[in-house]
Amino acid sequence: MHIKLFRALKAANVSDDAAAEVVEAIEEYIAVKVQEANKGLEAQLKAQTWVIASFGFVLTLIGLAPAVFKLFQ
């Protein structure tokens, strides 16, 4: 996309430096928007990771409970 944009700007008689600045600005804008869009997904993934880890911990405790009770009897 960036090469096509640069070429289009050059075809519109924009200088090399100005065309490069426009391409860089759009690239930065897209990067920021992608990062903002991913923040919600990252938070959800983090929450799901905690839920899965907690569930695994509880299952481990339930699985080890009989062995622990035998030690104390």
N, C-alpha and C. Protein backbone atom coordinates (compact mmCIF):
# COMPACT_ATOMS: atom_id res chain seq x y z
N MET A 1 0.82 -1.19 0.00
CA MET A 1 0.00 0.00 0.00
C MET A 1 0.87 1.25 0.00
N HIS A 2 1.95 1.23 0.75
CA HIS A 2 2.78 2.42 0.90
C HIS A 2 3.44 2.81 -0.42
N ILE A 3 3.86 1.82 -1.18
CA ILE A 3 4.51 2.12 -2.46
C ILE A 3 3.50 2.73 -3.42
N LYS A 4 2.28 2.16 -3.44
CA LYS A 4 1.24 2.69 -4.32
C LYS A 4 0.90 4.14 -3.93
N LEU A 5 0.81 4.41 -2.64
CA LEU A 5 0.51 5.77 -2.18
C LEU A 5 1.64 6.72 -2.57
N PHE A 6 2.86 6.29 -2.37
CA PHE A 6 4.01 7.11 -2.73
C PHE A 6 4.00 7.42 -4.22
N ARG A 7 3.75 6.39 -5.04
CA ARG A 7 3.71 6.59 -6.48
C ARG A 7 2.57 7.51 -6.89
N ALA A 8 1.42 7.38 -6.23
CA ALA A 8 0.29 8.25 -6.54
C ALA A 8 0.62 9.70 -6.19
N LEU A 9 1.26 9.89 -5.08
CA LEU A 9 1.66 11.26 -4.71
C LEU A 9 2.68 11.82 -5.69
N LYS A 10 3.61 10.97 -6.11
CA LYS A 10 4.61 11.41 -7.09
C LYS A 10 3.94 11.75 -8.42
N ALA A 11 2.92 10.97 -8.80
CA ALA A 11 2.20 11.24 -10.04
C ALA A 11 1.44 12.56 -9.95
N ALA A 12 1.10 12.97 -8.74
CA ALA A 12 0.41 14.25 -8.53
C ALA A 12 1.40 15.39 -8.34
N ASN A 13 2.65 15.15 -8.73
CA ASN A 13 3.72 16.15 -8.66
C ASN A 13 4.01 16.63 -7.24
N VAL A 14 4.00 15.70 -6.29
CA VAL A 14 4.40 16.01 -4.91
C VAL A 14 5.88 15.66 -4.80
N SER A 15 6.64 16.46 -4.07
CA SER A 15 8.07 16.21 -3.93
C SER A 15 8.34 14.90 -3.19
N ASP A 16 9.54 14.36 -3.38
CA ASP A 16 9.92 13.10 -2.72
C ASP A 16 9.80 13.20 -1.21
N ASP A 17 10.32 14.29 -0.65
CA ASP A 17 10.29 14.46 0.80
C ASP A 17 8.86 14.56 1.33
N ALA A 18 8.03 15.33 0.66
CA ALA A 18 6.64 15.48 1.11
C ALA A 18 5.88 14.16 0.97
N ALA A 19 6.10 13.45 -0.11
CA ALA A 19 5.43 12.16 -0.29
C ALA A 19 5.87 11.17 0.78
N ALA A 20 7.16 11.15 1.08
CA ALA A 20 7.67 10.25 2.12
C ALA A 20 7.08 10.62 3.48
N GLU A 21 6.93 11.90 3.78
CA GLU A 21 6.34 12.32 5.05
C GLU A 21 4.88 11.90 5.15
N VAL A 22 4.15 12.02 4.06
CA VAL A 22 2.74 11.60 4.06
C VAL A 22 2.64 10.11 4.31
N VAL A 23 3.47 9.33 3.63
CA VAL A 23 3.44 7.87 3.81
C VAL A 23 3.79 7.51 5.25
N GLU A 24 4.79 8.15 5.83
CA GLU A 24 5.17 7.89 7.22
C GLU A 24 4.05 8.26 8.19
N ALA A 25 3.39 9.39 7.94
CA ALA A 25 2.30 9.82 8.81
C ALA A 25 1.14 8.83 8.76
N ILE A 26 0.82 8.37 7.59
CA ILE A 26 -0.27 7.38 7.47
C ILE A 26 0.13 6.07 8.13
N GLU A 27 1.39 5.68 7.97
CA GLU A 27 1.88 4.46 8.60
C GLU A 27 1.76 4.55 10.12
N GLU A 28 2.16 5.67 10.69
CA GLU A 28 2.04 5.87 12.14
C GLU A 28 0.58 5.87 12.58
N TYR A 29 -0.28 6.52 11.81
CA TYR A 29 -1.70 6.57 12.13
C TYR A 29 -2.29 5.15 12.16
N ILE A 30 -1.96 4.35 11.17
CA ILE A 30 -2.47 2.97 11.11
C ILE A 30 -1.95 2.17 12.30
N ALA A 31 -0.67 2.34 12.64
CA ALA A 31 -0.10 1.61 13.78
C ALA A 31 -0.81 1.96 15.07
N VAL A 32 -1.13 3.23 15.27
CA VAL A 32 -1.83 3.66 16.49
C VAL A 32 -3.24 3.08 16.52
N LYS A 33 -3.93 3.12 15.40
CA LYS A 33 -5.29 2.60 15.35
C LYS A 33 -5.33 1.10 15.60
N VAL A 34 -4.37 0.36 15.05
CA VAL A 34 -4.31 -1.08 15.29
C VAL A 34 -4.04 -1.35 16.76
N GLN A 35 -3.13 -0.59 17.35
CA GLN A 35 -2.81 -0.76 18.76
C GLN A 35 -4.03 -0.48 19.64
N GLU A 36 -4.77 0.58 19.32
CA GLU A 36 -5.98 0.90 20.07
C GLU A 36 -7.03 -0.19 19.93
N ALA A 37 -7.16 -0.73 18.73
CA ALA A 37 -8.15 -1.78 18.50
C ALA A 37 -7.79 -3.06 19.24
N ASN A 38 -6.51 -3.31 19.42
CA ASN A 38 -6.07 -4.53 20.08
C ASN A 38 -6.11 -4.45 21.60
N LYS A 39 -6.22 -3.26 22.16
CA LYS A 39 -6.20 -3.13 23.63
C LYS A 39 -7.33 -3.92 24.27
N GLY A 40 -8.51 -3.85 23.72
CA GLY A 40 -9.64 -4.60 24.28
C GLY A 40 -9.41 -6.09 24.18
N LEU A 41 -8.87 -6.54 23.07
CA LEU A 41 -8.59 -7.96 22.90
C LEU A 41 -7.51 -8.44 23.86
N GLU A 42 -6.50 -7.61 24.07
CA GLU A 42 -5.44 -7.97 25.00
C GLU A 42 -5.98 -8.09 26.42
N ALA A 43 -6.85 -7.19 26.81
CA ALA A 43 -7.44 -7.25 28.15
C ALA A 43 -8.29 -8.50 28.30
N GLN A 44 -9.06 -8.83 27.27
CA GLN A 44 -9.90 -10.02 27.33
C GLN A 44 -9.03 -11.27 27.39
N LEU A 45 -7.97 -11.31 26.64
CA LEU A 45 -7.07 -12.46 26.66
C LEU A 45 -6.41 -12.62 28.02
N LYS A 46 -6.03 -11.51 28.62
CA LYS A 46 -5.42 -11.55 29.95
C LYS A 46 -6.41 -12.10 30.98
N ALA A 47 -7.66 -11.66 30.89
CA ALA A 47 -8.69 -12.14 31.82
C ALA A 47 -8.94 -13.63 31.62
N GLN A 48 -9.01 -14.06 30.38
CA GLN A 48 -9.23 -15.48 30.10
C GLN A 48 -8.07 -16.32 30.60
N THR A 49 -6.87 -15.82 30.48
CA THR A 49 -5.69 -16.54 30.97
C THR A 49 -5.79 -16.73 32.48
N TRP A 50 -6.21 -15.70 33.20
CA TRP A 50 -6.36 -15.81 34.65
C TRP A 50 -7.45 -16.82 35.02
N VAL A 51 -8.55 -16.81 34.29
CA VAL A 51 -9.64 -17.75 34.58
C VAL A 51 -9.18 -19.18 34.35
N ILE A 52 -8.50 -19.42 33.25
CA ILE A 52 -8.03 -20.77 32.94
C ILE A 52 -7.00 -21.22 33.97
N ALA A 53 -6.09 -20.35 34.35
CA ALA A 53 -5.08 -20.71 35.35
C ALA A 53 -5.73 -20.99 36.70
N SER A 54 -6.71 -20.19 37.08
CA SER A 54 -7.40 -20.42 38.35
C SER A 54 -8.14 -21.75 38.33
N PHE A 55 -8.79 -22.03 37.22
CA PHE A 55 -9.53 -23.29 37.10
C PHE A 55 -8.56 -24.47 37.18
N GLY A 56 -7.41 -24.37 36.54
CA GLY A 56 -6.40 -25.42 36.62
C GLY A 56 -5.88 -25.60 38.03
N PHE A 57 -5.70 -24.51 38.74
CA PHE A 57 -5.23 -24.59 40.13
C PHE A 57 -6.25 -25.30 41.01
N VAL A 58 -7.53 -24.96 40.83
CA VAL A 58 -8.60 -25.60 41.62
C VAL A 58 -8.66 -27.09 41.29
N LEU A 59 -8.54 -27.45 40.03
CA LEU A 59 -8.55 -28.87 39.66
C LEU A 59 -7.36 -29.60 40.26
N THR A 60 -6.22 -28.96 40.30
CA THR A 60 -5.04 -29.57 40.91
C THR A 60 -5.27 -29.79 42.40
N LEU A 61 -5.85 -28.83 43.08
CA LEU A 61 -6.13 -28.99 44.50
C LEU A 61 -7.11 -30.12 44.75
N ILE A 62 -8.14 -30.22 43.91
CA ILE A 62 -9.12 -31.29 44.06
C ILE A 62 -8.46 -32.64 43.81
N GLY A 63 -7.58 -32.71 42.82
CA GLY A 63 -6.88 -33.96 42.52
C GLY A 63 -5.92 -34.38 43.62
N LEU A 64 -5.32 -33.43 44.30
CA LEU A 64 -4.36 -33.75 45.36
C LEU A 64 -5.01 -33.92 46.73
N ALA A 65 -6.26 -33.54 46.86
CA ALA A 65 -6.94 -33.60 48.16
C ALA A 65 -6.92 -35.00 48.76
N PRO A 66 -7.25 -36.08 48.04
CA PRO A 66 -7.22 -37.41 48.65
C PRO A 66 -5.83 -37.79 49.19
N ALA A 67 -4.79 -37.44 48.48
CA ALA A 67 -3.43 -37.76 48.93
C ALA A 67 -3.10 -36.98 50.20
N VAL A 68 -3.51 -35.74 50.29
CA VAL A 68 -3.24 -34.93 51.47
C VAL A 68 -4.01 -35.48 52.67
N PHE A 69 -5.25 -35.89 52.46
CA PHE A 69 -6.04 -36.47 53.56
C PHE A 69 -5.43 -37.76 54.06
N LYS A 70 -4.87 -38.57 53.18
CA LYS A 70 -4.23 -39.83 53.60
C LYS A 70 -2.99 -39.56 54.46
N LEU A 71 -2.29 -38.47 54.16
CA LEU A 71 -1.10 -38.13 54.94
C LEU A 71 -1.45 -37.78 56.39
N PHE A 72 -2.61 -37.17 56.60
CA PHE A 72 -2.99 -36.73 57.93
C PHE A 72 -3.83 -37.74 58.69
N GLN A 73 -4.06 -38.91 58.12
CA GLN A 73 -4.86 -39.92 58.85
C GLN A 73 -3.98 -40.96 59.47
